[in-house]
PDB file of N, CA and C in Angstrom:
ATOM      1  N   UNK A   1     -44.166   6.892 -49.703  1.00  0.00           N
ATOM      2  CA  UNK A   1     -43.725   5.826 -48.677  1.00  0.00           C
ATOM      3  C   UNK A   1     -43.305   6.501 -47.361  1.00  0.00           C
ATOM      4  N   UNK A   2     -42.545   7.581 -47.274  1.00  0.00           N
ATOM      5  CA  UNK A   2     -42.265   8.135 -45.893  1.00  0.00           C
ATOM      6  C   UNK A   2     -43.710   8.279 -45.133  1.00  0.00           C
ATOM      7  N   UNK A   3     -44.439   8.776 -45.818  1.00  0.00           N
ATOM      8  CA  UNK A   3     -46.022   9.043 -45.142  1.00  0.00           C
ATOM      9  C   UNK A   3     -46.483   7.813 -44.490  1.00  0.00           C
ATOM     10  N   UNK A   4     -46.417   6.613 -45.567  1.00  0.00           N
ATOM     11  CA  UNK A   4     -46.990   5.502 -45.081  1.00  0.00           C
ATOM     12  C   UNK A   4     -46.238   5.077 -43.832  1.00  0.00           C
ATOM     13  N   UNK A   5     -44.910   4.986 -43.766  1.00  0.00           N
ATOM     14  CA  UNK A   5     -43.990   4.409 -42.689  1.00  0.00           C
ATOM     15  C   UNK A   5     -44.121   5.280 -41.393  1.00  0.00           C
ATOM     16  N   UNK A   6     -44.545   6.672 -41.633  1.00  0.00           N
ATOM     17  CA  UNK A   6     -44.471   7.559 -40.387  1.00  0.00           C
ATOM     18  C   UNK A   6     -45.824   7.107 -39.599  1.00  0.00           C
ATOM     19  N   UNK A   7     -46.869   6.506 -40.657  1.00  0.00           N
ATOM     20  CA  UNK A   7     -48.287   6.586 -39.868  1.00  0.00           C
ATOM     21  C   UNK A   7     -48.499   4.885 -39.625  1.00  0.00           C
ATOM     22  N   UNK A   8     -47.798   3.905 -40.034  1.00  0.00           N
ATOM     23  CA  UNK A   8     -47.911   2.575 -39.607  1.00  0.00           C
ATOM     24  C   UNK A   8     -46.721   1.801 -39.007  1.00  0.00           C
ATOM     25  N   UNK A   9     -46.744   1.603 -37.900  1.00  0.00           N
ATOM     26  CA  UNK A   9     -45.645   0.895 -37.403  1.00  0.00           C
ATOM     27  C   UNK A   9     -45.450  -0.355 -37.859  1.00  0.00           C
ATOM     28  N   UNK A  10     -46.079  -1.202 -38.435  1.00  0.00           N
ATOM     29  CA  UNK A  10     -46.122  -2.375 -38.918  1.00  0.00           C
ATOM     30  C   UNK A  10     -45.335  -2.388 -40.501  1.00  0.00           C
ATOM     31  N   UNK A  11     -45.673  -1.079 -41.273  1.00  0.00           N
ATOM     32  CA  UNK A  11     -44.941  -0.830 -42.223  1.00  0.00           C
ATOM     33  C   UNK A  11     -43.495  -0.479 -42.028  1.00  0.00           C
ATOM     34  N   UNK A  12     -43.240   0.050 -40.996  1.00  0.00           N
ATOM     35  CA  UNK A  12     -41.782   0.395 -40.850  1.00  0.00           C
ATOM     36  C   UNK A  12     -40.997  -0.818 -40.525  1.00  0.00           C
ATOM     37  N   UNK A  13     -41.674  -2.068 -39.600  1.00  0.00           N
ATOM     38  CA  UNK A  13     -41.008  -3.174 -39.302  1.00  0.00           C
ATOM     39  C   UNK A  13     -40.725  -3.761 -40.748  1.00  0.00           C
ATOM     40  N   UNK A  14     -41.865  -3.946 -41.614  1.00  0.00           N
ATOM     41  CA  UNK A  14     -41.929  -4.831 -42.833  1.00  0.00           C
ATOM     42  C   UNK A  14     -40.950  -4.259 -43.667  1.00  0.00           C
ATOM     43  N   UNK A  15     -40.832  -2.842 -43.780  1.00  0.00           N
ATOM     44  CA  UNK A  15     -39.808  -2.238 -44.636  1.00  0.00           C
ATOM     45  C   UNK A  15     -38.280  -2.653 -44.232  1.00  0.00           C
ATOM     46  N   UNK A  16     -38.122  -2.448 -42.972  1.00  0.00           N
ATOM     47  CA  UNK A  16     -36.951  -2.875 -42.632  1.00  0.00           C
ATOM     48  C   UNK A  16     -36.211  -4.389 -42.739  1.00  0.00           C
ATOM     49  N   UNK A  17     -37.354  -5.332 -42.295  1.00  0.00           N
ATOM     50  CA  UNK A  17     -36.982  -6.639 -42.738  1.00  0.00           C
ATOM     51  C   UNK A  17     -36.903  -6.712 -44.114  1.00  0.00           C
ATOM     52  N   UNK A  18     -37.431  -6.122 -45.118  1.00  0.00           N
ATOM     53  CA  UNK A  18     -37.245  -6.334 -46.591  1.00  0.00           C
ATOM     54  C   UNK A  18     -35.812  -5.871 -46.897  1.00  0.00           C
ATOM     55  N   UNK A  19     -35.405  -4.766 -46.219  1.00  0.00           N
ATOM     56  CA  UNK A  19     -34.087  -4.175 -46.589  1.00  0.00           C
ATOM     57  C   UNK A  19     -32.974  -4.993 -45.888  1.00  0.00           C
ATOM     58  N   UNK A  20     -33.035  -5.885 -44.785  1.00  0.00           N
ATOM     59  CA  UNK A  20     -32.325  -6.591 -44.362  1.00  0.00           C
ATOM     60  C   UNK A  20     -32.118  -7.805 -45.249  1.00  0.00           C
ATOM     61  N   UNK A  21     -33.270  -8.506 -45.673  1.00  0.00           N
ATOM     62  CA  UNK A  21     -33.358  -9.545 -46.593  1.00  0.00           C
ATOM     63  C   UNK A  21     -32.465  -9.366 -48.039  1.00  0.00           C
ATOM     64  N   UNK A  22     -32.817  -8.105 -48.473  1.00  0.00           N
ATOM     65  CA  UNK A  22     -32.672  -7.787 -49.837  1.00  0.00           C
ATOM     66  C   UNK A  22     -30.917  -7.269 -49.651  1.00  0.00           C
ATOM     67  N   UNK A  23     -30.491  -6.747 -48.714  1.00  0.00           N
ATOM     68  CA  UNK A  23     -28.857  -6.121 -48.681  1.00  0.00           C
ATOM     69  C   UNK A  23     -28.233  -7.559 -48.470  1.00  0.00           C
ATOM     70  N   UNK A  24     -28.760  -8.729 -47.591  1.00  0.00           N
ATOM     71  CA  UNK A  24     -28.190 -10.043 -47.433  1.00  0.00           C
ATOM     72  C   UNK A  24     -28.004 -10.826 -48.817  1.00  0.00           C
ATOM     73  N   UNK A  25     -29.200 -10.651 -49.620  1.00  0.00           N
ATOM     74  CA  UNK A  25     -28.910 -11.464 -50.780  1.00  0.00           C
ATOM     75  C   UNK A  25     -28.085 -10.888 -51.477  1.00  0.00           C
ATOM     76  N   UNK A  26     -27.962  -9.317 -51.610  1.00  0.00           N
ATOM     77  CA  UNK A  26     -26.992  -8.758 -52.595  1.00  0.00           C
ATOM     78  C   UNK A  26     -25.580  -9.186 -52.259  1.00  0.00           C
ATOM     79  N   UNK A  27     -25.410  -8.868 -51.073  1.00  0.00           N
ATOM     80  CA  UNK A  27     -24.280  -9.440 -50.534  1.00  0.00           C
ATOM     81  C   UNK A  27     -23.702 -10.852 -50.877  1.00  0.00           C
ATOM     82  N   UNK A  28     -24.676 -11.519 -50.778  1.00  0.00           N
ATOM     83  CA  UNK A  28     -24.142 -12.951 -51.115  1.00  0.00           C
ATOM     84  C   UNK A  28     -23.794 -13.259 -52.705  1.00  0.00           C
ATOM     85  N   UNK A  29     -24.629 -12.452 -53.396  1.00  0.00           N
ATOM     86  CA  UNK A  29     -24.645 -12.721 -55.082  1.00  0.00           C
ATOM     87  C   UNK A  29     -23.468 -11.827 -55.286  1.00  0.00           C
ATOM     88  N   UNK A  30     -22.865 -10.564 -54.812  1.00  0.00           N
ATOM     89  CA  UNK A  30     -21.650  -9.937 -55.146  1.00  0.00           C
ATOM     90  C   UNK A  30     -20.657 -11.046 -54.565  1.00  0.00           C
ATOM     91  N   UNK A  31     -20.491 -11.514 -53.310  1.00  0.00           N
ATOM     92  CA  UNK A  31     -19.500 -12.437 -53.012  1.00  0.00           C
ATOM     93  C   UNK A  31     -19.354 -13.604 -53.949  1.00  0.00           C
ATOM     94  N   UNK A  32     -20.583 -14.156 -54.500  1.00  0.00           N
ATOM     95  CA  UNK A  32     -20.305 -15.514 -55.381  1.00  0.00           C
ATOM     96  C   UNK A  32     -19.895 -15.085 -56.810  1.00  0.00           C
ATOM     97  N   UNK A  33     -20.054 -13.806 -57.178  1.00  0.00           N
ATOM     98  CA  UNK A  33     -19.541 -13.451 -58.908  1.00  0.00           C
ATOM     99  C   UNK A  33     -18.492 -12.539 -58.416  1.00  0.00           C
ATOM    100  N   UNK A  34     -17.649 -12.679 -57.395  1.00  0.00           N
ATOM    101  CA  UNK A  34     -16.508 -11.612 -57.415  1.00  0.00           C
ATOM    102  C   UNK A  34     -15.190 -12.591 -58.003  1.00  0.00           C
ATOM    103  N   UNK A  35     -14.443 -11.594 -58.702  1.00  0.00           N
ATOM    104  CA  UNK A  35     -13.559 -12.364 -59.666  1.00  0.00           C
ATOM    105  C   UNK A  35     -12.186 -11.995 -58.743  1.00  0.00           C
ATOM    106  N   UNK A  36     -11.245 -12.487 -59.392  1.00  0.00           N
ATOM    107  CA  UNK A  36      -9.991 -12.217 -58.871  1.00  0.00           C
ATOM    108  C   UNK A  36      -9.463 -10.892 -58.707  1.00  0.00           C
ATOM    109  N   UNK A  37      -9.726  -9.896 -59.857  1.00  0.00           N
ATOM    110  CA  UNK A  37      -9.634  -8.818 -59.902  1.00  0.00           C
ATOM    111  C   UNK A  37     -10.552  -7.677 -58.936  1.00  0.00           C
ATOM    112  N   UNK A  38     -11.528  -8.186 -58.579  1.00  0.00           N
ATOM    113  CA  UNK A  38     -12.384  -7.541 -57.571  1.00  0.00           C
ATOM    114  C   UNK A  38     -11.871  -7.811 -56.354  1.00  0.00           C
ATOM    115  N   UNK A  39     -11.146  -8.783 -55.792  1.00  0.00           N
ATOM    116  CA  UNK A  39     -10.897  -8.827 -54.465  1.00  0.00           C
ATOM    117  C   UNK A  39      -9.092  -8.400 -54.217  1.00  0.00           C
ATOM    118  N   UNK A  40      -8.665  -7.761 -55.324  1.00  0.00           N
ATOM    119  CA  UNK A  40      -7.329  -7.285 -55.196  1.00  0.00           C
ATOM    120  C   UNK A  40      -7.434  -5.888 -54.800  1.00  0.00           C
ATOM    121  N   UNK A  41      -6.404  -5.493 -53.681  1.00  0.00           N
ATOM    122  CA  UNK A  41      -6.731  -3.883 -53.341  1.00  0.00           C
ATOM    123  C   UNK A  41      -5.637  -3.158 -53.925  1.00  0.00           C
TER     124      UNK A  41
END
């Protein structure tokens, strides 16, 4: 994968876009599934 990204600018942009979307969806899911135990410090 590193080789692909290093040779293709579009692949780099696509990968970063993918990561942004995935991280956003993951954070949303974690927030919706959080329990009272998860939110206490």
